[in-house]
Structures are given as C-alpha cells and as structure tokens.
Amino acid sequence: MKRTPIIIILIILSITSHICLASSDSHTTMLTNFYLESNLGIREVAKQTAVSTNPEIRLINRKSPNEAFLYSLAIPGMGQLYTGAKHGYLYTAAEIGLFVTYFILRNNAVNTRDDYREVVRQNIIFIGPASFDKWDLVEDFEHATQYENWNHVYDSEATRNRTGKWYWKDLDPSLKDEKDTEIEFDSKYRLEAFDLRQKANDTFQTARTMLGLVILNHIISAVEARITTKRWNQRQKTLNGFEIDVQTDVTSGSVKSALVLRKHF
C-alpha cells in the first residue's frame, strides 16, 4: 500500500514525458515540411527532423505601393527612396530646382511690374487736382500704358472721376484740345511703360508655368513610386526564382504548418 503513491507518481511522470515528446515531434513536423508548388501541381520535396537557419538571412517585408504613392505625392522622390531606388533623388532635385526657379521668376516679375508703374508715376502730368492715391493698381496703371490722350475714351465716368485727367509729359499740351482722332501721336514714356508691363506679364506667366511643373512633378513622382514599389515587391517575391510562403497543410489529414516554395514555370 505504501508503494501505491510512488507508482502513481511514476505513471504521471511517464505520461507527462510522452506528451512532451509528442509535442516536440509535432513542432518539428510543423516547421520542417517543405513543398514545391508550381502550375504543374504541389509536390512535397523534403522532410527533415531538424531545421538549421543562417542568422545572416533576413526576411524582407513587402513595401506598400499606396504608402510609396503618398510619400512621393507629399515630397517627390520619397516614395522611390522608400524602396531604396536612388533615382528618387532626381525627383527631389527637380522639385527644389522648379521651386527656386519659380520664386526667382516671380520676384523678377514683381520688380518689373513695380518699374513700369514707377514710369507711369514719374511721367504723367495731371490736369487739375488729382493724384495716384485713388488709382487702381491693376486696371488704371495698365490703362495708362495703353493710351496717351486726355479724353479717356476707354474709361467709364466712375473711372474718370477716380483717376482724374492726365497726359504724358513729353506730349504737346495743346493736343488736349485736338478733336481730330486721326492725328498720330505717342509718348516714349508710354511705350517704355507698356514694354515693361508686357515683360512683367510674360515673366509672371513663366513663373506660373514653373508652379504647374511643380504640381506635375508631384503627380508623376507619386505614380512612378507606386510602379517602382510593385516592381520591388515582385523582385523580392521571385528572388532566386522562388516565392516563399507559409500555409496550412491539410493533405495529410491533420492541420499543420508548411513552408511552401513557389516557382512559376
């Protein structure tokens, strides 16, 4: 009777050891079943009782094409660099170059616009009480570069009341009473202001073109980053001709994990 507890303990230890061994065998099976999957079917190519791994081998995660798209949409080239594609620096450099060019052109356009308005201010003489204080910076100064008479045929009554009557100072003052509209006369100051205004407008347009190219660079970089990421994933998938995946194997009648190597022939 005294030996009964000892026998029970030995039986329990024996059962426990068998469970542990069975569990160990199960894990070995789970990790060491290898299959080759192709368009011709699935074949089990190896069964091993042990798995050896090289610590220098690292699994590479897939990159998200959508993330790459958003990265480059925000900052051109960042989506390409996300996958290690060095040509992403070209998009970044283009972004910087286009922005610098835009700001330089716009600054030049503003300066030229200020120059033509200054030519108007320095070379117009008012008839009666008037000043530039009430002039519209866009409309009135542009109109001044297009006309040289005192009749303001291009203006409404409200505009004439705002700008007052004026003439270019290098014109003959007696022309203000001339009724014959076929007489040709012009002011060199008006021509100078007109040319500067045209130059300013052309420079503004070129600056806007640069800004449009900036936006286009964002879009092209984003689309190309998405394509680059997909290609990068494809290269990783077919590294050494195989695609590595882990699936659930039910071919043996029991559920277990299997490492599957895919190759498309």
C-alpha atoms as a PDB file:
ATOM      1  CA  MET A   1       0.000   0.000   0.000  1.00  0.00           C
ATOM      2  CA  LYS A   2       2.892   2.309   0.737  1.00  0.00           C
ATOM      3  CA  ARG A   3       4.218   1.838  -2.797  1.00  0.00           C
ATOM      4  CA  THR A   4       0.957   2.934  -4.408  1.00  0.00           C
ATOM      5  CA  PRO A   5       1.687   6.732  -4.314  1.00  0.00           C
ATOM      6  CA  ILE A   6       5.151   6.109  -5.764  1.00  0.00           C
ATOM      7  CA  ILE A   7       3.680   4.048  -8.605  1.00  0.00           C
ATOM      8  CA  ILE A   8       1.076   6.732  -9.282  1.00  0.00           C
ATOM      9  CA  ILE A   9       3.790   9.416  -9.396  1.00  0.00           C
ATOM     10  CA  LEU A  10       5.869   7.318 -11.811  1.00  0.00           C
ATOM     11  CA  ILE A  11       2.856   6.797 -14.056  1.00  0.00           C
ATOM     12  CA  ILE A  12       2.144  10.546 -14.083  1.00  0.00           C
ATOM     13  CA  LEU A  13       5.783  11.355 -14.938  1.00  0.00           C
ATOM     14  CA  SER A  14       5.753   8.784 -17.711  1.00  0.00           C
ATOM     15  CA  ILE A  15       2.576  10.212 -19.254  1.00  0.00           C
ATOM     16  CA  THR A  16       3.939  13.757 -18.990  1.00  0.00           C
ATOM     17  CA  SER A  17       7.181  12.820 -20.719  1.00  0.00           C
ATOM     18  CA  HIS A  18       5.299  11.154 -23.560  1.00  0.00           C
ATOM     19  CA  ILE A  19       3.135  14.265 -24.008  1.00  0.00           C
ATOM     20  CA  CYS A  20       6.222  16.469 -24.139  1.00  0.00           C
ATOM     21  CA  LEU A  21       7.891  14.213 -26.702  1.00  0.00           C
ATOM     22  CA  ALA A  22       4.734  14.147 -28.787  1.00  0.00           C
ATOM     23  CA  SER A  23       4.509  17.920 -28.607  1.00  0.00           C
ATOM     24  CA  SER A  24       8.141  18.218 -29.652  1.00  0.00           C
ATOM     25  CA  ASP A  25       7.590  15.876 -32.591  1.00  0.00           C
ATOM     26  CA  SER A  26       4.547  17.852 -33.598  1.00  0.00           C
ATOM     27  CA  HIS A  27       6.528  21.144 -33.665  1.00  0.00           C
ATOM     28  CA  THR A  28       9.292  19.551 -35.678  1.00  0.00           C
ATOM     29  CA  THR A  29       6.778  18.347 -38.227  1.00  0.00           C
ATOM     30  CA  MET A  30       5.108  21.739 -38.293  1.00  0.00           C
ATOM     31  CA  LEU A  31       8.319  23.530 -39.121  1.00  0.00           C
ATOM     32  CA  THR A  32      10.064  21.055 -41.411  1.00  0.00           C
ATOM     33  CA  ASN A  33       7.553  20.102 -44.079  1.00  0.00           C
ATOM     34  CA  PHE A  34       8.624  21.680 -47.355  1.00  0.00           C
ATOM     35  CA  TYR A  35       6.635  21.750 -50.574  1.00  0.00           C
ATOM     36  CA  LEU A  36       7.323  22.901 -54.125  1.00  0.00           C
ATOM     37  CA  GLU A  37       4.238  24.469 -55.656  1.00  0.00           C
ATOM     38  CA  SER A  38       4.048  25.224 -59.371  1.00  0.00           C
ATOM     39  CA  ASN A  39       1.492  25.345 -62.140  1.00  0.00           C
ATOM     40  CA  LEU A  40       2.016  21.572 -62.535  1.00  0.00           C
ATOM     41  CA  GLY A  41       0.771  20.863 -59.026  1.00  0.00           C
ATOM     42  CA  ILE A  42       2.120  20.531 -55.496  1.00  0.00           C
ATOM     43  CA  ARG A  43       4.932  18.165 -54.604  1.00  0.00           C
ATOM     44  CA  GLU A  44       6.467  17.500 -51.211  1.00  0.00           C
ATOM     45  CA  VAL A  45      10.193  17.847 -51.759  1.00  0.00           C
ATOM     46  CA  ALA A  46      11.723  17.338 -48.335  1.00  0.00           C
ATOM     47  CA  LYS A  47      11.101  16.201 -44.797  1.00  0.00           C
ATOM     48  CA  GLN A  48      13.665  16.915 -42.177  1.00  0.00           C
ATOM     49  CA  THR A  49      13.886  16.246 -38.476  1.00  0.00           C
ATOM     50  CA  ALA A  50      15.770  19.441 -37.757  1.00  0.00           C
ATOM     51  CA  VAL A  51      15.842  22.970 -39.106  1.00  0.00           C
ATOM     52  CA  SER A  52      19.050  24.951 -39.368  1.00  0.00           C
ATOM     53  CA  THR A  53      18.885  28.676 -40.052  1.00  0.00           C
ATOM     54  CA  ASN A  54      21.551  31.131 -41.106  1.00  0.00           C
ATOM     55  CA  PRO A  55      21.463  34.142 -38.773  1.00  0.00           C
ATOM     56  CA  GLU A  56      22.622  36.382 -41.638  1.00  0.00           C
ATOM     57  CA  ILE A  57      19.478  35.649 -43.666  1.00  0.00           C
ATOM     58  CA  ARG A  58      16.699  38.132 -43.000  1.00  0.00           C
ATOM     59  CA  LEU A  59      13.152  38.108 -44.256  1.00  0.00           C
ATOM     60  CA  ILE A  60      12.334  41.274 -46.201  1.00  0.00           C
ATOM     61  CA  ASN A  61       8.886  42.759 -45.641  1.00  0.00           C
ATOM     62  CA  ARG A  62       6.788  43.792 -48.597  1.00  0.00           C
ATOM     63  CA  LYS A  63       6.555  47.512 -49.328  1.00  0.00           C
ATOM     64  CA  SER A  64       3.189  49.209 -49.683  1.00  0.00           C
ATOM     65  CA  PRO A  65       2.645  50.799 -53.138  1.00  0.00           C
ATOM     66  CA  ASN A  66      -0.031  53.045 -51.610  1.00  0.00           C
ATOM     67  CA  GLU A  67       2.380  54.344 -48.974  1.00  0.00           C
ATOM     68  CA  ALA A  68       5.001  54.987 -51.646  1.00  0.00           C
ATOM     69  CA  PHE A  69       2.390  56.895 -53.686  1.00  0.00           C
ATOM     70  CA  LEU A  70       1.501  59.132 -50.733  1.00  0.00           C
ATOM     71  CA  TYR A  71       5.155  59.712 -49.803  1.00  0.00           C
ATOM     72  CA  SER A  72       6.006  60.967 -53.289  1.00  0.00           C
ATOM     73  CA  LEU A  73       2.762  62.900 -53.566  1.00  0.00           C
ATOM     74  CA  ALA A  74       3.838  64.848 -50.474  1.00  0.00           C
ATOM     75  CA  ILE A  75       7.563  65.078 -51.292  1.00  0.00           C
ATOM     76  CA  PRO A  76       8.629  63.946 -54.785  1.00  0.00           C
ATOM     77  CA  GLY A  77      11.193  61.157 -54.672  1.00  0.00           C
ATOM     78  CA  MET A  78      10.383  59.960 -51.147  1.00  0.00           C
ATOM     79  CA  GLY A  79       8.297  57.032 -52.433  1.00  0.00           C
ATOM     80  CA  GLN A  80      11.210  55.857 -54.583  1.00  0.00           C
ATOM     81  CA  LEU A  81      13.656  56.176 -51.686  1.00  0.00           C
ATOM     82  CA  TYR A  82      11.196  54.169 -49.569  1.00  0.00           C
ATOM     83  CA  THR A  83      12.159  51.149 -51.675  1.00  0.00           C
ATOM     84  CA  GLY A  84      15.813  52.147 -51.977  1.00  0.00           C
ATOM     85  CA  ALA A  85      15.512  53.420 -55.550  1.00  0.00           C
ATOM     86  CA  LYS A  86      18.186  56.101 -55.877  1.00  0.00           C
ATOM     87  CA  HIS A  87      16.524  57.805 -58.844  1.00  0.00           C
ATOM     88  CA  GLY A  88      14.111  59.276 -56.290  1.00  0.00           C
ATOM     89  CA  TYR A  89      16.751  61.930 -55.690  1.00  0.00           C
ATOM     90  CA  LEU A  90      16.124  63.181 -59.246  1.00  0.00           C
ATOM     91  CA  TYR A  91      12.509  63.991 -58.411  1.00  0.00           C
ATOM     92  CA  THR A  92      13.577  65.735 -55.206  1.00  0.00           C
ATOM     93  CA  ALA A  93      16.230  67.746 -57.063  1.00  0.00           C
ATOM     94  CA  ALA A  94      13.675  68.678 -59.744  1.00  0.00           C
ATOM     95  CA  GLU A  95      11.278  69.832 -57.027  1.00  0.00           C
ATOM     96  CA  ILE A  96      13.914  72.093 -55.485  1.00  0.00           C
ATOM     97  CA  GLY A  97      15.029  73.427 -58.872  1.00  0.00           C
ATOM     98  CA  LEU A  98      11.493  74.198 -60.018  1.00  0.00           C
ATOM     99  CA  PHE A  99      10.605  75.946 -56.763  1.00  0.00           C
ATOM    100  CA  VAL A 100      13.786  78.055 -56.830  1.00  0.00           C
ATOM    101  CA  THR A 101      13.124  78.997 -60.459  1.00  0.00           C
ATOM    102  CA  TYR A 102       9.514  79.896 -59.649  1.00  0.00           C
ATOM    103  CA  PHE A 103      10.464  82.232 -56.809  1.00  0.00           C
ATOM    104  CA  ILE A 104      13.237  83.888 -58.846  1.00  0.00           C
ATOM    105  CA  LEU A 105      10.908  84.488 -61.806  1.00  0.00           C
ATOM    106  CA  ARG A 106       8.092  85.746 -59.638  1.00  0.00           C
ATOM    107  CA  ASN A 107      10.418  88.137 -57.819  1.00  0.00           C
ATOM    108  CA  ASN A 108      11.699  89.446 -61.166  1.00  0.00           C
ATOM    109  CA  ALA A 109       8.139  89.877 -62.411  1.00  0.00           C
ATOM    110  CA  VAL A 110       7.149  91.859 -59.311  1.00  0.00           C
ATOM    111  CA  ASN A 111      10.187  94.106 -59.690  1.00  0.00           C
ATOM    112  CA  THR A 112       9.470  94.715 -63.388  1.00  0.00           C
ATOM    113  CA  ARG A 113       5.825  95.470 -62.599  1.00  0.00           C
ATOM    114  CA  ASP A 114       6.927  97.996 -59.991  1.00  0.00           C
ATOM    115  CA  ASP A 115       9.291  99.534 -62.569  1.00  0.00           C
ATOM    116  CA  TYR A 116       6.542 100.113 -65.144  1.00  0.00           C
ATOM    117  CA  ARG A 117       4.242 101.634 -62.528  1.00  0.00           C
ATOM    118  CA  GLU A 118       7.054 103.931 -61.477  1.00  0.00           C
ATOM    119  CA  VAL A 119       7.491 105.055 -65.102  1.00  0.00           C
ATOM    120  CA  VAL A 120       3.790 105.944 -65.114  1.00  0.00           C
ATOM    121  CA  ARG A 121       4.071 107.901 -61.853  1.00  0.00           C
ATOM    122  CA  GLN A 122       7.151 109.822 -62.965  1.00  0.00           C
ATOM    123  CA  ASN A 123       5.965 110.773 -66.441  1.00  0.00           C
ATOM    124  CA  ILE A 124       2.269 111.611 -66.145  1.00  0.00           C
ATOM    125  CA  ILE A 125       1.017 115.147 -65.575  1.00  0.00           C
ATOM    126  CA  PHE A 126      -2.444 115.710 -64.159  1.00  0.00           C
ATOM    127  CA  ILE A 127      -4.835 118.345 -65.445  1.00  0.00           C
ATOM    128  CA  GLY A 128      -6.456 119.809 -62.374  1.00  0.00           C
ATOM    129  CA  PRO A 129      -6.459 118.332 -58.884  1.00  0.00           C
ATOM    130  CA  ALA A 130      -5.753 114.594 -58.989  1.00  0.00           C
ATOM    131  CA  SER A 131      -3.226 112.052 -57.707  1.00  0.00           C
ATOM    132  CA  PHE A 132      -2.277 108.399 -57.894  1.00  0.00           C
ATOM    133  CA  ASP A 133      -3.667 107.701 -54.427  1.00  0.00           C
ATOM    134  CA  LYS A 134      -7.032 106.577 -55.782  1.00  0.00           C
ATOM    135  CA  TRP A 135      -5.704 104.713 -58.821  1.00  0.00           C
ATOM    136  CA  ASP A 136      -6.398 101.017 -59.059  1.00  0.00           C
ATOM    137  CA  LEU A 137      -3.030  99.268 -59.062  1.00  0.00           C
ATOM    138  CA  VAL A 138      -4.046  96.877 -61.828  1.00  0.00           C
ATOM    139  CA  GLU A 139      -6.676  98.475 -64.004  1.00  0.00           C
ATOM    140  CA  ASP A 140      -5.675 102.152 -64.029  1.00  0.00           C
ATOM    141  CA  PHE A 141      -1.924 101.665 -64.402  1.00  0.00           C
ATOM    142  CA  GLU A 142      -2.451  99.146 -67.208  1.00  0.00           C
ATOM    143  CA  HIS A 143      -4.813 101.519 -68.994  1.00  0.00           C
ATOM    144  CA  ALA A 144      -2.285 104.303 -68.655  1.00  0.00           C
ATOM    145  CA  THR A 145       0.249 102.293 -70.661  1.00  0.00           C
ATOM    146  CA  GLN A 146      -2.272 101.791 -73.486  1.00  0.00           C
ATOM    147  CA  TYR A 147      -3.415 105.367 -74.078  1.00  0.00           C
ATOM    148  CA  GLU A 148      -1.864 108.781 -74.371  1.00  0.00           C
ATOM    149  CA  ASN A 149      -4.810 111.179 -74.809  1.00  0.00           C
ATOM    150  CA  TRP A 150      -6.795 113.325 -72.381  1.00  0.00           C
ATOM    151  CA  ASN A 151     -10.248 112.162 -73.322  1.00  0.00           C
ATOM    152  CA  HIS A 152     -10.200 108.784 -71.532  1.00  0.00           C
ATOM    153  CA  VAL A 153     -12.271 107.136 -74.194  1.00  0.00           C
ATOM    154  CA  TYR A 154     -11.624 103.743 -72.593  1.00  0.00           C
ATOM    155  CA  ASP A 155     -12.969 104.733 -69.159  1.00  0.00           C
ATOM    156  CA  SER A 156     -16.349 104.869 -67.549  1.00  0.00           C
ATOM    157  CA  GLU A 157     -17.467 108.049 -65.790  1.00  0.00           C
ATOM    158  CA  ALA A 158     -16.649 106.444 -62.442  1.00  0.00           C
ATOM    159  CA  THR A 159     -13.106 105.647 -63.622  1.00  0.00           C
ATOM    160  CA  ARG A 160     -12.566 109.177 -64.927  1.00  0.00           C
ATOM    161  CA  ASN A 161     -13.688 110.584 -61.603  1.00  0.00           C
ATOM    162  CA  ARG A 162     -11.247 108.292 -59.815  1.00  0.00           C
ATOM    163  CA  THR A 163      -8.177 108.859 -61.979  1.00  0.00           C
ATOM    164  CA  GLY A 164      -8.662 112.469 -62.963  1.00  0.00           C
ATOM    165  CA  LYS A 165      -7.440 113.824 -66.303  1.00  0.00           C
ATOM    166  CA  TRP A 166      -3.786 113.401 -67.210  1.00  0.00           C
ATOM    167  CA  TYR A 167      -1.317 113.267 -70.109  1.00  0.00           C
ATOM    168  CA  TRP A 168       2.208 112.034 -70.766  1.00  0.00           C
ATOM    169  CA  LYS A 169       4.623 114.865 -70.127  1.00  0.00           C
ATOM    170  CA  ASP A 170       6.590 114.508 -73.387  1.00  0.00           C
ATOM    171  CA  LEU A 171       3.462 115.229 -75.452  1.00  0.00           C
ATOM    172  CA  ASP A 172       2.461 118.679 -76.702  1.00  0.00           C
ATOM    173  CA  PRO A 173      -0.047 120.075 -74.148  1.00  0.00           C
ATOM    174  CA  SER A 174      -2.068 121.632 -76.976  1.00  0.00           C
ATOM    175  CA  LEU A 175      -3.076 118.160 -78.085  1.00  0.00           C
ATOM    176  CA  LYS A 176      -5.536 118.019 -75.228  1.00  0.00           C
ATOM    177  CA  ASP A 177      -7.854 120.221 -77.301  1.00  0.00           C
ATOM    178  CA  GLU A 178      -7.345 118.268 -80.531  1.00  0.00           C
ATOM    179  CA  LYS A 179     -10.626 116.894 -81.916  1.00  0.00           C
ATOM    180  CA  ASP A 180      -9.145 115.062 -84.900  1.00  0.00           C
ATOM    181  CA  THR A 181      -8.730 111.469 -83.742  1.00  0.00           C
ATOM    182  CA  GLU A 182      -6.723 110.554 -86.849  1.00  0.00           C
ATOM    183  CA  ILE A 183      -3.688 112.528 -85.741  1.00  0.00           C
ATOM    184  CA  GLU A 184      -0.989 110.097 -84.689  1.00  0.00           C
ATOM    185  CA  PHE A 185       0.994 110.967 -81.624  1.00  0.00           C
ATOM    186  CA  ASP A 186       2.625 108.866 -78.968  1.00  0.00           C
ATOM    187  CA  SER A 187       4.766 109.118 -75.880  1.00  0.00           C
ATOM    188  CA  LYS A 188       8.106 107.420 -75.490  1.00  0.00           C
ATOM    189  CA  TYR A 189       7.347 107.085 -71.780  1.00  0.00           C
ATOM    190  CA  ARG A 190       4.101 105.298 -72.529  1.00  0.00           C
ATOM    191  CA  LEU A 191       5.938 102.902 -74.842  1.00  0.00           C
ATOM    192  CA  GLU A 192       8.566 102.297 -72.182  1.00  0.00           C
ATOM    193  CA  ALA A 193       5.923 101.567 -69.528  1.00  0.00           C
ATOM    194  CA  PHE A 194       3.990  99.361 -71.947  1.00  0.00           C
ATOM    195  CA  ASP A 195       7.063  97.259 -72.766  1.00  0.00           C
ATOM    196  CA  LEU A 196       7.870  96.833 -69.081  1.00  0.00           C
ATOM    197  CA  ARG A 197       4.295  95.808 -68.350  1.00  0.00           C
ATOM    198  CA  GLN A 198       4.369  93.208 -71.112  1.00  0.00           C
ATOM    199  CA  LYS A 199       7.683  91.891 -69.823  1.00  0.00           C
ATOM    200  CA  ALA A 200       6.264  91.646 -66.285  1.00  0.00           C
ATOM    201  CA  ASN A 201       3.177  89.790 -67.527  1.00  0.00           C
ATOM    202  CA  ASP A 202       5.287  87.347 -69.555  1.00  0.00           C
ATOM    203  CA  THR A 203       7.522  86.675 -66.560  1.00  0.00           C
ATOM    204  CA  PHE A 204       4.509  86.094 -64.326  1.00  0.00           C
ATOM    205  CA  GLN A 205       3.194  83.591 -66.876  1.00  0.00           C
ATOM    206  CA  THR A 206       6.532  81.746 -66.955  1.00  0.00           C
ATOM    207  CA  ALA A 207       6.528  81.631 -63.157  1.00  0.00           C
ATOM    208  CA  ARG A 208       3.034  80.125 -63.200  1.00  0.00           C
ATOM    209  CA  THR A 209       4.285  77.529 -65.673  1.00  0.00           C
ATOM    210  CA  MET A 210       7.051  76.584 -63.243  1.00  0.00           C
ATOM    211  CA  LEU A 211       4.471  76.207 -60.498  1.00  0.00           C
ATOM    212  CA  GLY A 212       2.441  73.946 -62.774  1.00  0.00           C
ATOM    213  CA  LEU A 213       5.545  71.833 -63.375  1.00  0.00           C
ATOM    214  CA  VAL A 214       5.985  71.550 -59.609  1.00  0.00           C
ATOM    215  CA  ILE A 215       2.486  70.072 -59.311  1.00  0.00           C
ATOM    216  CA  LEU A 216       3.141  67.790 -62.291  1.00  0.00           C
ATOM    217  CA  ASN A 217       6.384  66.609 -60.678  1.00  0.00           C
ATOM    218  CA  HIS A 218       4.412  65.575 -57.578  1.00  0.00           C
ATOM    219  CA  ILE A 219       1.927  63.576 -59.631  1.00  0.00           C
ATOM    220  CA  ILE A 220       4.484  61.860 -61.875  1.00  0.00           C
ATOM    221  CA  SER A 221       6.710  61.013 -58.918  1.00  0.00           C
ATOM    222  CA  ALA A 222       3.772  59.551 -56.978  1.00  0.00           C
ATOM    223  CA  VAL A 223       2.603  57.360 -59.867  1.00  0.00           C
ATOM    224  CA  GLU A 224       6.142  56.218 -60.677  1.00  0.00           C
ATOM    225  CA  ALA A 225       6.798  55.462 -56.985  1.00  0.00           C
ATOM    226  CA  ARG A 226       3.798  53.145 -56.922  1.00  0.00           C
ATOM    227  CA  ILE A 227       5.060  51.319 -60.016  1.00  0.00           C
ATOM    228  CA  THR A 228       8.590  51.129 -58.606  1.00  0.00           C
ATOM    229  CA  THR A 229       7.299  49.649 -55.344  1.00  0.00           C
ATOM    230  CA  LYS A 230       5.295  46.989 -57.156  1.00  0.00           C
ATOM    231  CA  ARG A 231       8.362  46.020 -59.167  1.00  0.00           C
ATOM    232  CA  TRP A 232      10.456  45.943 -55.994  1.00  0.00           C
ATOM    233  CA  ASN A 233       7.962  43.569 -54.365  1.00  0.00           C
ATOM    234  CA  GLN A 234       7.981  41.381 -57.465  1.00  0.00           C
ATOM    235  CA  ARG A 235      11.776  41.156 -57.405  1.00  0.00           C
ATOM    236  CA  GLN A 236      11.730  40.148 -53.747  1.00  0.00           C
ATOM    237  CA  LYS A 237       8.998  37.591 -54.404  1.00  0.00           C
ATOM    238  CA  THR A 238      10.934  35.897 -57.172  1.00  0.00           C
ATOM    239  CA  LEU A 239      14.349  36.131 -55.509  1.00  0.00           C
ATOM    240  CA  ASN A 240      16.382  33.112 -56.640  1.00  0.00           C
ATOM    241  CA  GLY A 241      13.381  32.035 -58.661  1.00  0.00           C
ATOM    242  CA  PHE A 242      11.219  31.122 -55.658  1.00  0.00           C
ATOM    243  CA  GLU A 243       8.417  32.717 -53.724  1.00  0.00           C
ATOM    244  CA  ILE A 244       8.443  31.762 -50.038  1.00  0.00           C
ATOM    245  CA  ASP A 245       5.176  31.467 -48.162  1.00  0.00           C
ATOM    246  CA  VAL A 246       3.798  29.740 -45.051  1.00  0.00           C
ATOM    247  CA  GLN A 247       0.492  27.933 -45.448  1.00  0.00           C
ATOM    248  CA  THR A 248      -1.719  25.446 -43.584  1.00  0.00           C
ATOM    249  CA  ASP A 249      -1.269  21.897 -44.878  1.00  0.00           C
ATOM    250  CA  VAL A 250      -4.277  19.573 -44.698  1.00  0.00           C
ATOM    251  CA  THR A 251      -3.108  16.986 -47.264  1.00  0.00           C
ATOM    252  CA  SER A 252      -2.013  14.526 -44.596  1.00  0.00           C
ATOM    253  CA  GLY A 253      -5.373  14.578 -42.850  1.00  0.00           C
ATOM    254  CA  SER A 254      -4.183  16.757 -39.985  1.00  0.00           C
ATOM    255  CA  VAL A 255      -3.795  20.521 -39.789  1.00  0.00           C
ATOM    256  CA  LYS A 256      -0.159  21.615 -39.669  1.00  0.00           C
ATOM    257  CA  SER A 257       2.009  24.438 -40.953  1.00  0.00           C
ATOM    258  CA  ALA A 258       4.121  24.033 -44.062  1.00  0.00           C
ATOM    259  CA  LEU A 259       6.806  26.189 -45.675  1.00  0.00           C
ATOM    260  CA  VAL A 260       5.873  26.456 -49.365  1.00  0.00           C
ATOM    261  CA  LEU A 261       8.298  27.400 -52.136  1.00  0.00           C
ATOM    262  CA  ARG A 262       6.525  28.580 -55.273  1.00  0.00           C
ATOM    263  CA  LYS A 263       8.090  28.726 -58.717  1.00  0.00           C
ATOM    264  CA  HIS A 264       6.280  29.594 -61.925  1.00  0.00           C
ATOM    265  CA  PHE A 265       7.495  27.682 -64.955  1.00  0.00           C
END
